[in-house]
Structures are given as structure tokens and as C-alpha cells.
Amino acid sequence: MGGGTNGNGGGAASAMDVYLPRTQGDVDDDGKERRTGTVWTATAHIITAVIGSGVLSLAWAMAQLGWVAGPITLLLFAAITFYTCGLLSDCYRVGDPATGKRNYTYTDAVKSYLGGWHVWFCGFCQYVNMFGTGIGYTITASISAAAINKSNCYHWRGHGTDCSQNTSAYIIGFGVLQALFCQLPNFHQLWWLSIIAAVMSFSYAAIAVGLSLAQTIMDPLGRTTLTGTVVGVDVDATQKVWLTFQALGNVAFAYSYAIILIEIQDTLRSPPPENATMRRATAAGISTTTGFYLLCGCLGYSAFGNAAPGNILTGFGFYEPYWLVDVANACIVVHLVGGFQVFCQPLFAAVEGGVARRCPGLLGGGAGRASGVNVFRLVWRTAFVAVITLLAILMPFFNSILGILGSIAFWPLTVFFPVEMYIRQRQLPRFSAKWVALQSLSLVCFLVTVAACAASIQGVLDSLKTYVPFKTRS
């Protein structure tokens, strides 16, 4: 967003640099264009990054956890995210927090502090998360596109009509659209799409809260309990366990923001030290989003009870006003068109950068090679989108996929690496009180991640028993 032109100028910009060199006041201590971000811009970036499609599953997660464990879980994940993001923000610079060498990305920070296999593991977690998020966004967008047709069908033909849709066609349509957008060379050319996506995410989340509040006031549709879904009534004992852990994965997905924290921090001006500003921004951003999540989760649960749909805007607890449901789902589709690119463009850059280093003839410069760059990009990016589209068709299960994505991202990226880098940075002695406390936190979060991932995979396997691609309608 803010620094879209850094390092991406054309020939005219280079000439200007030759004849009109920058003064010392124009650049930061690393020689790059002076950063201008503040606590307010960083807070806005955080809120934009955090509030997304994860908010749609929170009413369902609350129904699995109940009035006691549900809000407590949201608050615990918020507290853990806030604390570990504070540790991560201290790793933006190596050495002195005001003058030390900058780390421009999450992987740079891991390389500076940990090195070795940690760097490979960090890259693996990031790129698996990006790939998985592409699948999750494709599923969510297609379900919302289908929900627009279903909403209109229910309005004009009656709520008892069979308005079920086959989502496979919508998934293919979304894939074709992404194959076109993916041909844009780099992320800097997508700034306008990111702005539109941010506006859309706020719009549909606000509509979901408003509709839930109206339903709660006028006519709540289900029974709520302190412990959520009731064994023997709503679910059996085994389902209760699996769905509870799957709900934890859905909540974790809603807080998956640490992956871009360093990049946000790299937009901040200094002085004051970036880590101090980032801590304030994290506090404001996480508290705002947590309040919003509590509203959406609790109001959704109070509106629909233990039968709350997995996706609050596509599960058809809301039929009217149908046009507002349509608007909300259209906003989801537009947001996820942009969100898909936000997550996948860094993966494209990493792969193409690796190819350029190993095969400079394929991705080198020159007029004769320019077409080679485009052919490679066309083939590999289209193939990438095709694989994601195929996997989305084979596994279009909203809550289970979100649970898998949340669990994959939560422990390694939100907890493990920040804790390990902080321990290395502060040189904490092994088995000291703080070392034990931090490692205990990491272990508990690891166990939660394993349980949530296992439950979500179990959810996928259960759904596959009755799902037939291109035939099953929902």
C-alpha cells in the first residue's frame, strides 16, 4: 500500500535520481525513501488485514463453544496475538531498536535471529498458508456468489422452495477471473484492488452485525446455552469434541495477522522507534477487531442459537431484506478477488525470483527474452490457479477449510517464531522463569493447533463421504 513505488520506478525516475540526488532528509537510515507511516496508518492496516472472511464463521464457532467458552476463547486468542505480536515487533531491527539493521519481511527477521532450518520452516509455513488461503478464498467467494442467486430465488419463489445451487460452476468462474488477474506482473500494480477489498470487508462485516442485531431484537431463531451445542440434542459426544476443536481453528483464522506485521512495521516513520509505535498500533487494532468479533459472534449466536449456520451470510438464517443479503455477498466476492491476489502475489514473486536465479536465460532481460518472461508467467500462474480451483471443487467445505488454515498459521507464525526470536534476542537462559513461561505458552498453542487441525481434517473427511463434485447441491 503506502510504499508502492519503492524500488519499482521506471527509467524517468532513475534519471531524476541521477540529476537530482536525494538529500539526507529525503531518505531513511537504510537509504530508502523516507517512511511516513504513523500509529494511525498502522492501526488501519491491522484492522483491514484482520477483519475478513474469518468473521463470517464466528457465530458458528460461538454455537460450538457456548456463552462461557466462546467469548473467553476470543479474548484469549486476542491476548496471545497481542503479546506475541509485541515480541515480533521488537525483532524488526537487529540490535538497537532505534538504529539497528532493519528486517523488511518476516523471513528476514527469522534469518537474522535464528537462521538455519528455521528459515526454511518459516518459508514453508508462509507459502503453505498463502496457498491454502487461496483455496479458502475461492471456496468462500463461490459460496457467496451462489448465495446471491439463492437469496433472489427464496424472495421470489418462497422460503420453502428448493433453491440449492451447485457451487462447482461458481468456483470455476472465480478461478478464470483469478487466472486473468494473476497475469499482472507484481503486487505494486494491485494497490487499487487492495483499497476496494478493504472497503468491501468492512461493508459485509458491518451488514452481518446489523442483521444479527435486528434478528436478535425481533425474533431469535434458536436456543442458546452456556456450553453451546448440546450432546444428545444437537450433536453426539464425538461430534461435540471434533466441532469444538474445529471452532478453535476458525477463531485462530480470524486472528491470522502476524504474517504481515513486519511488512506493516516497515511503513512506519522513525523516531519514535518503530517497535514502540507498532505496539500502540497493535493494541488499538487488536482491541478494535476483538470488539467487532465479539459483536458479530455473540449477536450471531443470540440470533440463531445452537443451529447457527457455518457462514452467517450464506447459511440463510437471513432471508430478508434480500437485497441487503445480496449486497453483503457481493461485497464478499469483490473482497476475496482482491484478497486472493494479496496472498498469492508474494508466492508468485518468491517462485519467479528463484527461477530467475537458477535460470537467468528464462527470466532475464532483453527484448528477445521479454516474451519468455510472459510465457513462463502465463503458464505457471495459470497452472497454479487451476490447481487451487480443482482443490476447491474437490473440498468446498467452508468451516473445515478455515479451521485447517487457522491452525496452520497460528502456532508457527503467531507464537513459535516470535517466542524463539525473542528468546534469542534477549539471550534468556534455558530454564529461567521467563524461558519456561514462553516455552509453555508455545507448547500449549502447539497442542491447540494440532487438535484444531486434526478436527478440521476430520470435518473434511466426513463431508467427503456425501459430497460429489459437480453434482452435490447446497
Protein backbone atom coordinates (compact mmCIF):
# COMPACT_ATOMS: atom_id res chain seq x y z
CA MET A 1 0.00 0.00 0.00
CA GLY A 2 1.90 3.07 1.25
CA GLY A 3 5.29 2.38 -0.36
CA GLY A 4 4.06 1.01 -3.66
CA THR A 5 6.65 2.91 -5.72
CA ASN A 6 9.71 1.92 -3.69
CA GLY A 7 12.20 0.10 -5.83
CA ASN A 8 9.74 -0.04 -8.72
CA GLY A 9 10.45 3.14 -10.64
CA GLY A 10 10.84 3.39 -14.37
CA GLY A 11 13.56 5.00 -16.49
CA ALA A 12 12.36 8.54 -15.84
CA ALA A 13 12.58 8.06 -12.10
CA SER A 14 16.12 6.71 -12.43
CA ALA A 15 17.16 9.74 -14.46
CA MET A 16 15.74 12.06 -11.84
CA ASP A 17 17.81 10.27 -9.23
CA VAL A 18 20.93 10.92 -11.33
CA TYR A 19 20.40 14.61 -11.88
CA LEU A 20 18.59 15.44 -8.65
CA PRO A 21 20.07 13.23 -5.94
CA ARG A 22 18.07 12.91 -2.77
CA THR A 23 19.14 14.95 0.20
CA GLN A 24 19.75 13.33 3.54
CA GLY A 25 16.30 14.42 4.69
CA ASP A 26 14.61 12.51 1.86
CA VAL A 27 15.82 9.07 2.90
CA ASP A 28 15.84 6.84 5.96
CA ASP A 29 18.88 5.28 7.59
CA ASP A 30 18.84 2.40 5.07
CA GLY A 31 18.97 4.70 2.03
CA LYS A 32 15.35 4.03 1.03
CA GLU A 33 12.64 6.62 0.59
CA ARG A 34 11.66 8.12 3.94
CA ARG A 35 8.80 6.22 5.57
CA THR A 36 5.81 8.28 6.70
CA GLY A 37 3.55 5.77 8.47
CA THR A 38 2.08 6.58 11.88
CA VAL A 39 0.32 4.70 14.64
CA TRP A 40 -2.97 5.52 12.89
CA THR A 41 -1.97 4.20 9.48
CA ALA A 42 -0.54 1.04 11.08
CA THR A 43 -3.74 0.55 13.07
CA ALA A 44 -5.77 0.90 9.87
CA HIS A 45 -3.56 -1.69 8.12
CA ILE A 46 -4.02 -4.10 11.04
CA ILE A 47 -7.79 -3.73 11.16
CA THR A 48 -8.00 -4.13 7.38
CA ALA A 49 -5.82 -7.24 7.49
CA VAL A 50 -7.60 -8.88 10.42
CA ILE A 51 -11.26 -8.23 9.60
CA GLY A 52 -12.05 -10.52 6.70
CA SER A 53 -13.88 -13.69 5.79
CA GLY A 54 -12.99 -15.23 9.17
CA VAL A 55 -15.66 -13.05 10.79
CA LEU A 56 -18.36 -14.98 8.90
CA SER A 57 -17.75 -18.18 10.89
CA LEU A 58 -17.69 -16.68 14.39
CA ALA A 59 -21.41 -17.18 15.11
CA TRP A 60 -20.98 -20.88 14.26
CA ALA A 61 -17.86 -21.08 16.44
CA MET A 62 -19.77 -19.49 19.33
CA ALA A 63 -22.53 -22.08 18.88
CA GLN A 64 -19.99 -24.88 19.34
CA LEU A 65 -18.39 -23.24 22.41
CA GLY A 66 -21.33 -21.55 24.16
CA TRP A 67 -21.71 -18.34 26.13
CA VAL A 68 -18.89 -19.15 28.55
CA ALA A 69 -16.09 -20.65 26.47
CA GLY A 70 -16.92 -18.67 23.30
CA PRO A 71 -16.14 -15.11 24.47
CA ILE A 72 -13.28 -16.38 26.66
CA THR A 73 -11.72 -18.09 23.63
CA LEU A 74 -11.95 -14.92 21.55
CA LEU A 75 -10.35 -12.89 24.34
CA LEU A 76 -7.59 -15.47 24.90
CA PHE A 77 -6.66 -15.57 21.22
CA ALA A 78 -6.68 -11.76 21.18
CA ALA A 79 -4.40 -11.61 24.24
CA ILE A 80 -1.97 -14.19 22.84
CA THR A 81 -1.89 -12.43 19.47
CA PHE A 82 -1.30 -9.05 21.12
CA TYR A 83 1.53 -10.37 23.31
CA THR A 84 3.37 -12.33 20.63
CA CYS A 85 2.98 -9.53 18.08
CA GLY A 86 4.69 -7.28 20.64
CA LEU A 87 7.59 -9.75 20.75
CA LEU A 88 7.68 -9.85 16.96
CA SER A 89 7.69 -6.06 16.64
CA ASP A 90 10.87 -5.96 18.76
CA CYS A 91 12.55 -8.08 16.07
CA TYR A 92 12.08 -5.54 13.27
CA ARG A 93 15.60 -4.27 13.90
CA VAL A 94 18.67 -6.26 14.88
CA GLY A 95 20.44 -4.77 17.89
CA ASP A 96 19.37 -1.27 18.84
CA PRO A 97 15.57 -0.81 18.45
CA ALA A 98 16.08 2.69 17.03
CA THR A 99 19.21 2.37 14.86
CA GLY A 100 19.82 -1.37 14.27
CA LYS A 101 19.66 -3.07 10.86
CA ARG A 102 16.14 -3.35 9.53
CA ASN A 103 14.37 -6.58 8.62
CA TYR A 104 11.96 -5.89 5.76
CA THR A 105 9.99 -9.15 5.92
CA TYR A 106 9.04 -11.85 8.40
CA THR A 107 11.53 -14.24 6.78
CA ASP A 108 14.30 -11.62 7.02
CA ALA A 109 13.69 -11.39 10.78
CA VAL A 110 13.82 -15.18 11.17
CA LYS A 111 17.03 -15.30 9.11
CA SER A 112 18.65 -12.54 11.21
CA TYR A 113 17.83 -14.04 14.62
CA LEU A 114 17.51 -17.79 14.10
CA GLY A 115 18.93 -18.86 10.73
CA GLY A 116 19.38 -22.48 9.70
CA TRP A 117 16.33 -24.72 9.39
CA HIS A 118 14.13 -22.03 10.95
CA VAL A 119 14.33 -20.02 7.71
CA TRP A 120 13.20 -22.98 5.61
CA PHE A 121 10.40 -23.81 8.06
CA CYS A 122 9.24 -20.19 8.14
CA GLY A 123 9.10 -20.01 4.34
CA PHE A 124 7.29 -23.34 4.20
CA CYS A 125 4.64 -22.19 6.72
CA GLN A 126 4.15 -18.86 4.96
CA TYR A 127 3.78 -20.29 1.48
CA VAL A 128 1.58 -23.20 2.58
CA ASN A 129 -0.61 -20.65 4.34
CA MET A 130 -0.75 -18.46 1.22
CA PHE A 131 -1.61 -21.44 -0.99
CA GLY A 132 -4.25 -22.66 1.46
CA THR A 133 -5.73 -19.20 1.80
CA GLY A 134 -6.14 -19.13 -1.98
CA ILE A 135 -8.23 -22.31 -1.70
CA GLY A 136 -10.21 -20.91 1.24
CA TYR A 137 -10.92 -17.63 -0.54
CA THR A 138 -12.01 -19.46 -3.70
CA ILE A 139 -14.47 -21.58 -1.71
CA THR A 140 -15.83 -18.62 0.25
CA ALA A 141 -16.26 -16.40 -2.81
CA SER A 142 -18.05 -19.12 -4.78
CA ILE A 143 -20.42 -19.88 -1.88
CA SER A 144 -21.26 -16.18 -1.64
CA ALA A 145 -21.82 -15.89 -5.40
CA ALA A 146 -24.19 -18.87 -5.24
CA ALA A 147 -25.93 -17.31 -2.21
CA ILE A 148 -26.92 -14.27 -4.29
CA ASN A 149 -28.90 -16.50 -6.65
CA LYS A 150 -30.34 -18.44 -3.71
CA SER A 151 -31.41 -15.23 -1.95
CA ASN A 152 -33.26 -14.00 -5.04
CA CYS A 153 -34.84 -17.43 -5.52
CA TYR A 154 -36.13 -17.52 -1.93
CA HIS A 155 -37.51 -13.98 -2.22
CA TRP A 156 -39.43 -14.52 -5.44
CA ARG A 157 -40.43 -18.18 -5.07
CA GLY A 158 -40.84 -18.54 -1.30
CA HIS A 159 -38.66 -19.77 1.55
CA GLY A 160 -39.84 -23.37 1.15
CA THR A 161 -38.59 -23.63 -2.43
CA ASP A 162 -35.61 -25.80 -3.31
CA CYS A 163 -33.11 -23.11 -4.29
CA SER A 164 -29.97 -25.20 -3.82
CA GLN A 165 -27.02 -24.45 -6.08
CA ASN A 166 -24.05 -26.39 -7.38
CA THR A 167 -21.03 -24.35 -6.30
CA SER A 168 -18.59 -26.01 -8.74
CA ALA A 169 -19.58 -23.69 -11.58
CA TYR A 170 -19.02 -20.64 -9.37
CA ILE A 171 -15.63 -21.97 -8.29
CA ILE A 172 -14.60 -22.35 -11.94
CA GLY A 173 -15.80 -18.82 -12.71
CA PHE A 174 -13.79 -17.40 -9.79
CA GLY A 175 -10.75 -19.38 -10.98
CA VAL A 176 -10.99 -17.95 -14.51
CA LEU A 177 -11.19 -14.43 -13.10
CA GLN A 178 -8.14 -15.02 -10.88
CA ALA A 179 -6.18 -16.50 -13.80
CA LEU A 180 -6.62 -13.15 -15.55
CA PHE A 181 -5.69 -11.00 -12.52
CA CYS A 182 -2.67 -13.21 -11.82
CA GLN A 183 -1.05 -12.09 -15.07
CA LEU A 184 -0.36 -8.65 -13.59
CA PRO A 185 3.43 -8.65 -13.09
CA ASN A 186 3.61 -7.66 -9.42
CA PHE A 187 1.80 -6.52 -6.31
CA HIS A 188 2.53 -2.81 -6.87
CA GLN A 189 0.04 -2.80 -9.74
CA LEU A 190 -2.76 -4.03 -7.46
CA TRP A 191 -2.90 -1.15 -4.94
CA TRP A 192 -6.35 -0.08 -6.19
CA LEU A 193 -7.67 -3.63 -5.75
CA SER A 194 -6.44 -3.69 -2.15
CA ILE A 195 -8.27 -0.44 -1.32
CA ILE A 196 -11.52 -1.75 -2.81
CA ALA A 197 -11.09 -5.04 -0.94
CA ALA A 198 -10.64 -3.22 2.39
CA VAL A 199 -13.86 -1.23 1.90
CA MET A 200 -15.73 -4.40 0.96
CA SER A 201 -14.55 -6.29 4.07
CA PHE A 202 -15.83 -3.57 6.39
CA SER A 203 -19.11 -3.42 4.48
CA TYR A 204 -20.09 -7.10 4.69
CA ALA A 205 -18.87 -7.45 8.28
CA ALA A 206 -20.98 -4.44 9.31
CA ILE A 207 -24.02 -5.83 7.46
CA ALA A 208 -23.60 -9.18 9.25
CA VAL A 209 -23.54 -7.41 12.64
CA GLY A 210 -26.57 -5.27 11.75
CA LEU A 211 -28.67 -8.19 10.50
CA SER A 212 -27.77 -10.28 13.57
CA LEU A 213 -28.77 -7.43 15.90
CA ALA A 214 -32.08 -6.97 14.10
CA GLN A 215 -32.82 -10.71 14.23
CA THR A 216 -31.94 -10.84 17.94
CA ILE A 217 -34.30 -7.97 18.73
CA MET A 218 -37.22 -9.12 16.57
CA ASP A 219 -37.25 -12.91 16.62
CA PRO A 220 -34.31 -15.06 17.80
CA LEU A 221 -34.42 -18.34 15.86
CA GLY A 222 -32.77 -20.81 18.23
CA ARG A 223 -31.87 -21.77 21.78
CA THR A 224 -28.56 -20.70 23.28
CA THR A 225 -26.77 -22.41 26.17
CA LEU A 226 -23.76 -21.81 28.39
CA THR A 227 -21.84 -24.69 26.78
CA GLY A 228 -23.03 -24.42 23.18
CA THR A 229 -24.41 -27.32 21.19
CA VAL A 230 -26.00 -29.95 23.44
CA VAL A 231 -24.83 -33.58 23.34
CA GLY A 232 -27.77 -35.86 22.53
CA VAL A 233 -29.83 -32.98 21.12
CA ASP A 234 -27.73 -31.12 18.56
CA VAL A 235 -24.72 -33.45 18.25
CA ASP A 236 -23.35 -36.70 19.68
CA ALA A 237 -20.38 -36.79 22.07
CA THR A 238 -17.77 -37.41 19.36
CA GLN A 239 -19.11 -34.61 17.17
CA LYS A 240 -19.07 -32.24 20.13
CA VAL A 241 -15.34 -32.81 20.66
CA TRP A 242 -14.42 -32.51 16.97
CA LEU A 243 -16.57 -29.44 16.37
CA THR A 244 -15.23 -27.70 19.50
CA PHE A 245 -11.65 -28.05 18.28
CA GLN A 246 -12.68 -27.08 14.76
CA ALA A 247 -14.23 -23.92 16.21
CA LEU A 248 -10.85 -23.10 17.81
CA GLY A 249 -9.28 -23.29 14.34
CA ASN A 250 -11.94 -20.91 12.99
CA VAL A 251 -11.19 -18.40 15.76
CA ALA A 252 -7.44 -18.73 15.09
CA PHE A 253 -8.06 -17.98 11.39
CA ALA A 254 -9.85 -14.78 12.38
CA TYR A 255 -6.65 -13.56 14.09
CA SER A 256 -4.11 -14.57 11.41
CA TYR A 257 -2.31 -11.24 11.12
CA ALA A 258 1.25 -11.80 12.37
CA ILE A 259 2.32 -12.99 8.91
CA ILE A 260 2.33 -9.36 7.65
CA LEU A 261 3.28 -7.50 10.85
CA ILE A 262 6.90 -6.83 9.84
CA GLU A 263 5.77 -5.50 6.45
CA ILE A 264 3.35 -3.11 8.18
CA GLN A 265 6.05 -2.02 10.64
CA ASP A 266 8.35 -1.27 7.69
CA THR A 267 6.00 1.57 6.67
CA LEU A 268 6.45 3.48 9.97
CA ARG A 269 8.50 6.64 10.34
CA SER A 270 11.20 6.90 12.96
CA PRO A 271 11.66 8.45 15.52
CA PRO A 272 9.92 7.31 17.66
CA PRO A 273 11.30 3.73 17.43
CA GLU A 274 9.14 1.59 15.16
CA ASN A 275 8.61 -1.12 17.77
CA ALA A 276 7.07 1.39 20.21
CA THR A 277 4.70 2.71 17.55
CA MET A 278 3.83 -0.82 16.44
CA ARG A 279 2.93 -1.89 19.98
CA ARG A 280 0.48 1.00 20.25
CA ALA A 281 -0.96 0.20 16.82
CA THR A 282 -1.29 -3.49 17.72
CA ALA A 283 -3.11 -2.62 20.94
CA ALA A 284 -5.55 -0.35 19.10
CA GLY A 285 -6.02 -2.72 16.15
CA ILE A 286 -6.49 -5.92 18.15
CA SER A 287 -8.85 -4.30 20.69
CA THR A 288 -10.98 -2.83 17.88
CA THR A 289 -11.21 -6.08 15.94
CA THR A 290 -11.87 -8.11 19.10
CA GLY A 291 -14.77 -5.84 19.99
CA PHE A 292 -16.09 -6.26 16.46
CA TYR A 293 -15.64 -10.04 16.64
CA LEU A 294 -17.47 -10.24 19.96
CA LEU A 295 -20.35 -8.28 18.44
CA CYS A 296 -20.52 -10.48 15.35
CA GLY A 297 -20.05 -13.78 17.18
CA CYS A 298 -22.31 -13.07 20.13
CA LEU A 299 -25.08 -11.36 18.17
CA GLY A 300 -24.99 -14.10 15.55
CA TYR A 301 -25.23 -16.76 18.26
CA SER A 302 -28.06 -14.95 20.04
CA ALA A 303 -29.92 -14.64 16.70
CA PHE A 304 -29.60 -18.30 15.60
CA GLY A 305 -28.71 -20.24 18.74
CA ASN A 306 -27.04 -23.64 18.57
CA ALA A 307 -28.18 -24.01 14.94
CA ALA A 308 -26.12 -21.00 13.80
CA PRO A 309 -25.01 -21.51 10.17
CA GLY A 310 -21.35 -22.11 9.34
CA ASN A 311 -21.31 -18.92 7.26
CA ILE A 312 -23.62 -16.30 8.70
CA LEU A 313 -24.34 -14.63 5.34
CA THR A 314 -24.75 -17.74 3.17
CA GLY A 315 -26.41 -20.19 5.56
CA PHE A 316 -29.78 -18.47 5.15
CA GLY A 317 -30.64 -17.57 8.64
CA PHE A 318 -31.32 -14.22 6.91
CA TYR A 319 -33.86 -14.16 4.07
CA GLU A 320 -34.90 -10.51 4.20
CA PRO A 321 -34.17 -7.86 3.25
CA TYR A 322 -32.94 -9.99 0.37
CA TRP A 323 -31.27 -7.08 -1.41
CA LEU A 324 -29.09 -6.38 1.65
CA VAL A 325 -28.07 -10.04 1.82
CA ASP A 326 -27.20 -9.78 -1.88
CA VAL A 327 -25.11 -6.64 -1.29
CA ALA A 328 -23.23 -8.31 1.56
CA ASN A 329 -22.42 -11.40 -0.51
CA ALA A 330 -21.39 -9.27 -3.48
CA CYS A 331 -19.01 -7.41 -1.15
CA ILE A 332 -17.55 -10.75 -0.06
CA VAL A 333 -16.89 -11.76 -3.65
CA VAL A 334 -15.21 -8.45 -4.51
CA HIS A 335 -13.14 -8.52 -1.31
CA LEU A 336 -11.90 -12.03 -1.96
CA VAL A 337 -10.99 -11.27 -5.56
CA GLY A 338 -8.53 -8.75 -4.13
CA GLY A 339 -7.65 -10.85 -1.10
CA PHE A 340 -6.65 -13.78 -3.31
CA GLN A 341 -4.10 -11.59 -5.05
CA VAL A 342 -2.79 -10.10 -1.80
CA PHE A 343 -1.90 -13.59 -0.55
CA CYS A 344 -0.75 -15.13 -3.84
CA GLN A 345 1.38 -12.37 -5.36
CA PRO A 346 4.17 -12.80 -2.73
CA LEU A 347 4.20 -16.52 -3.54
CA PHE A 348 4.48 -15.71 -7.25
CA ALA A 349 7.36 -13.34 -6.52
CA ALA A 350 9.20 -15.99 -4.47
CA VAL A 351 8.86 -18.69 -7.15
CA GLU A 352 9.76 -16.41 -10.04
CA GLY A 353 12.69 -14.96 -8.09
CA GLY A 354 14.02 -18.47 -7.51
CA VAL A 355 13.61 -19.34 -11.19
CA ALA A 356 15.37 -16.12 -12.19
CA ARG A 357 18.37 -17.01 -10.02
CA ARG A 358 18.62 -20.56 -11.35
CA CYS A 359 17.61 -19.93 -14.98
CA PRO A 360 18.53 -16.33 -15.84
CA GLY A 361 18.09 -17.10 -19.53
CA LEU A 362 14.40 -17.85 -18.95
CA LEU A 363 13.59 -14.80 -16.85
CA GLY A 364 16.35 -12.39 -17.88
CA GLY A 365 16.01 -9.01 -19.52
CA GLY A 366 16.29 -8.02 -23.15
CA ALA A 367 13.77 -7.72 -25.95
CA GLY A 368 14.15 -11.31 -27.06
CA ARG A 369 13.63 -12.60 -23.53
CA ALA A 370 10.72 -10.39 -22.56
CA SER A 371 8.28 -12.76 -24.24
CA GLY A 372 9.90 -15.64 -22.29
CA VAL A 373 9.06 -13.91 -19.03
CA ASN A 374 5.45 -13.52 -20.10
CA VAL A 375 5.15 -17.09 -21.37
CA PHE A 376 6.56 -18.51 -18.14
CA ARG A 377 4.28 -16.28 -16.06
CA LEU A 378 1.27 -17.19 -18.18
CA VAL A 379 1.87 -20.93 -17.95
CA TRP A 380 2.90 -21.30 -14.32
CA ARG A 381 0.48 -18.78 -12.79
CA THR A 382 -2.42 -20.22 -14.78
CA ALA A 383 -1.43 -23.73 -13.70
CA PHE A 384 -1.24 -22.53 -10.08
CA VAL A 385 -4.77 -21.10 -10.21
CA ALA A 386 -6.00 -24.26 -11.95
CA VAL A 387 -4.67 -26.44 -9.10
CA ILE A 388 -6.29 -24.21 -6.47
CA THR A 389 -9.58 -24.27 -8.41
CA LEU A 390 -9.51 -28.05 -8.68
CA LEU A 391 -8.83 -28.49 -4.95
CA ALA A 392 -11.63 -26.03 -4.12
CA ILE A 393 -14.04 -28.06 -6.27
CA LEU A 394 -12.98 -31.27 -4.54
CA MET A 395 -13.25 -29.80 -1.00
CA PRO A 396 -15.71 -26.86 -0.85
CA PHE A 397 -16.19 -27.07 2.94
CA PHE A 398 -16.12 -23.59 4.49
CA ASN A 399 -15.65 -24.20 8.23
CA SER A 400 -13.31 -27.19 7.89
CA ILE A 401 -11.01 -25.36 5.46
CA LEU A 402 -10.93 -22.24 7.66
CA GLY A 403 -10.08 -24.45 10.63
CA ILE A 404 -7.16 -26.02 8.77
CA LEU A 405 -5.86 -22.62 7.62
CA GLY A 406 -6.20 -21.08 11.07
CA SER A 407 -4.37 -23.92 12.77
CA ILE A 408 -1.56 -23.97 10.19
CA ALA A 409 -0.91 -20.24 10.59
CA PHE A 410 -1.48 -19.80 14.32
CA TRP A 411 1.22 -21.71 16.17
CA PRO A 412 4.24 -21.35 13.88
CA LEU A 413 3.72 -17.78 12.67
CA THR A 414 1.90 -16.16 15.59
CA VAL A 415 3.59 -17.94 18.51
CA PHE A 416 6.62 -20.15 17.76
CA PHE A 417 8.82 -17.80 15.74
CA PRO A 418 8.13 -14.64 17.81
CA VAL A 419 8.89 -16.57 21.02
CA GLU A 420 12.09 -18.14 19.64
CA MET A 421 13.36 -14.84 18.21
CA TYR A 422 12.63 -13.01 21.46
CA ILE A 423 14.50 -15.67 23.47
CA ARG A 424 17.48 -15.40 21.12
CA GLN A 425 17.37 -11.61 21.09
CA ARG A 426 17.26 -11.27 24.88
CA GLN A 427 19.56 -14.27 25.38
CA LEU A 428 17.27 -15.74 28.03
CA PRO A 429 18.96 -18.58 29.97
CA ARG A 430 17.44 -22.02 29.45
CA PHE A 431 15.02 -23.00 32.23
CA SER A 432 14.86 -19.46 33.62
CA ALA A 433 11.38 -18.43 34.76
CA LYS A 434 10.64 -16.35 31.63
CA TRP A 435 12.11 -19.02 29.30
CA VAL A 436 9.88 -21.66 30.87
CA ALA A 437 6.82 -19.38 30.68
CA LEU A 438 7.39 -18.60 26.99
CA GLN A 439 8.06 -22.22 26.06
CA SER A 440 4.96 -23.30 27.98
CA LEU A 441 2.88 -20.80 26.02
CA SER A 442 4.35 -22.14 22.79
CA LEU A 443 3.66 -25.75 23.80
CA VAL A 444 0.02 -25.08 24.76
CA CYS A 445 -0.58 -23.23 21.48
CA PHE A 446 1.07 -26.08 19.57
CA LEU A 447 -1.31 -28.59 21.17
CA VAL A 448 -4.29 -26.37 20.32
CA THR A 449 -3.04 -26.12 16.73
CA VAL A 450 -2.68 -29.90 16.41
CA ALA A 451 -6.15 -30.52 17.88
CA ALA A 452 -7.79 -27.86 15.67
CA CYS A 453 -6.04 -29.14 12.54
CA ALA A 454 -6.98 -32.76 13.28
CA ALA A 455 -10.61 -31.82 13.92
CA SER A 456 -10.80 -29.78 10.72
CA ILE A 457 -9.29 -32.60 8.66
CA GLN A 458 -11.84 -34.93 10.24
CA GLY A 459 -14.55 -32.47 9.18
CA VAL A 460 -13.30 -32.59 5.58
CA LEU A 461 -13.24 -36.40 5.61
CA ASP A 462 -16.79 -36.56 6.98
CA SER A 463 -18.04 -34.13 4.34
CA LEU A 464 -16.34 -36.05 1.53
CA LYS A 465 -18.47 -39.11 2.37
CA THR A 466 -21.56 -37.42 0.95
CA TYR A 467 -20.10 -34.86 -1.45
CA VAL A 468 -19.86 -35.48 -5.20
CA PRO A 469 -18.12 -32.77 -7.30
CA PHE A 470 -20.36 -31.11 -9.91
CA LYS A 471 -23.41 -32.97 -8.56
CA THR A 472 -23.93 -32.15 -4.89
CA ARG A 473 -26.09 -29.06 -4.37
CA SER A 474 -26.27 -26.93 -1.27
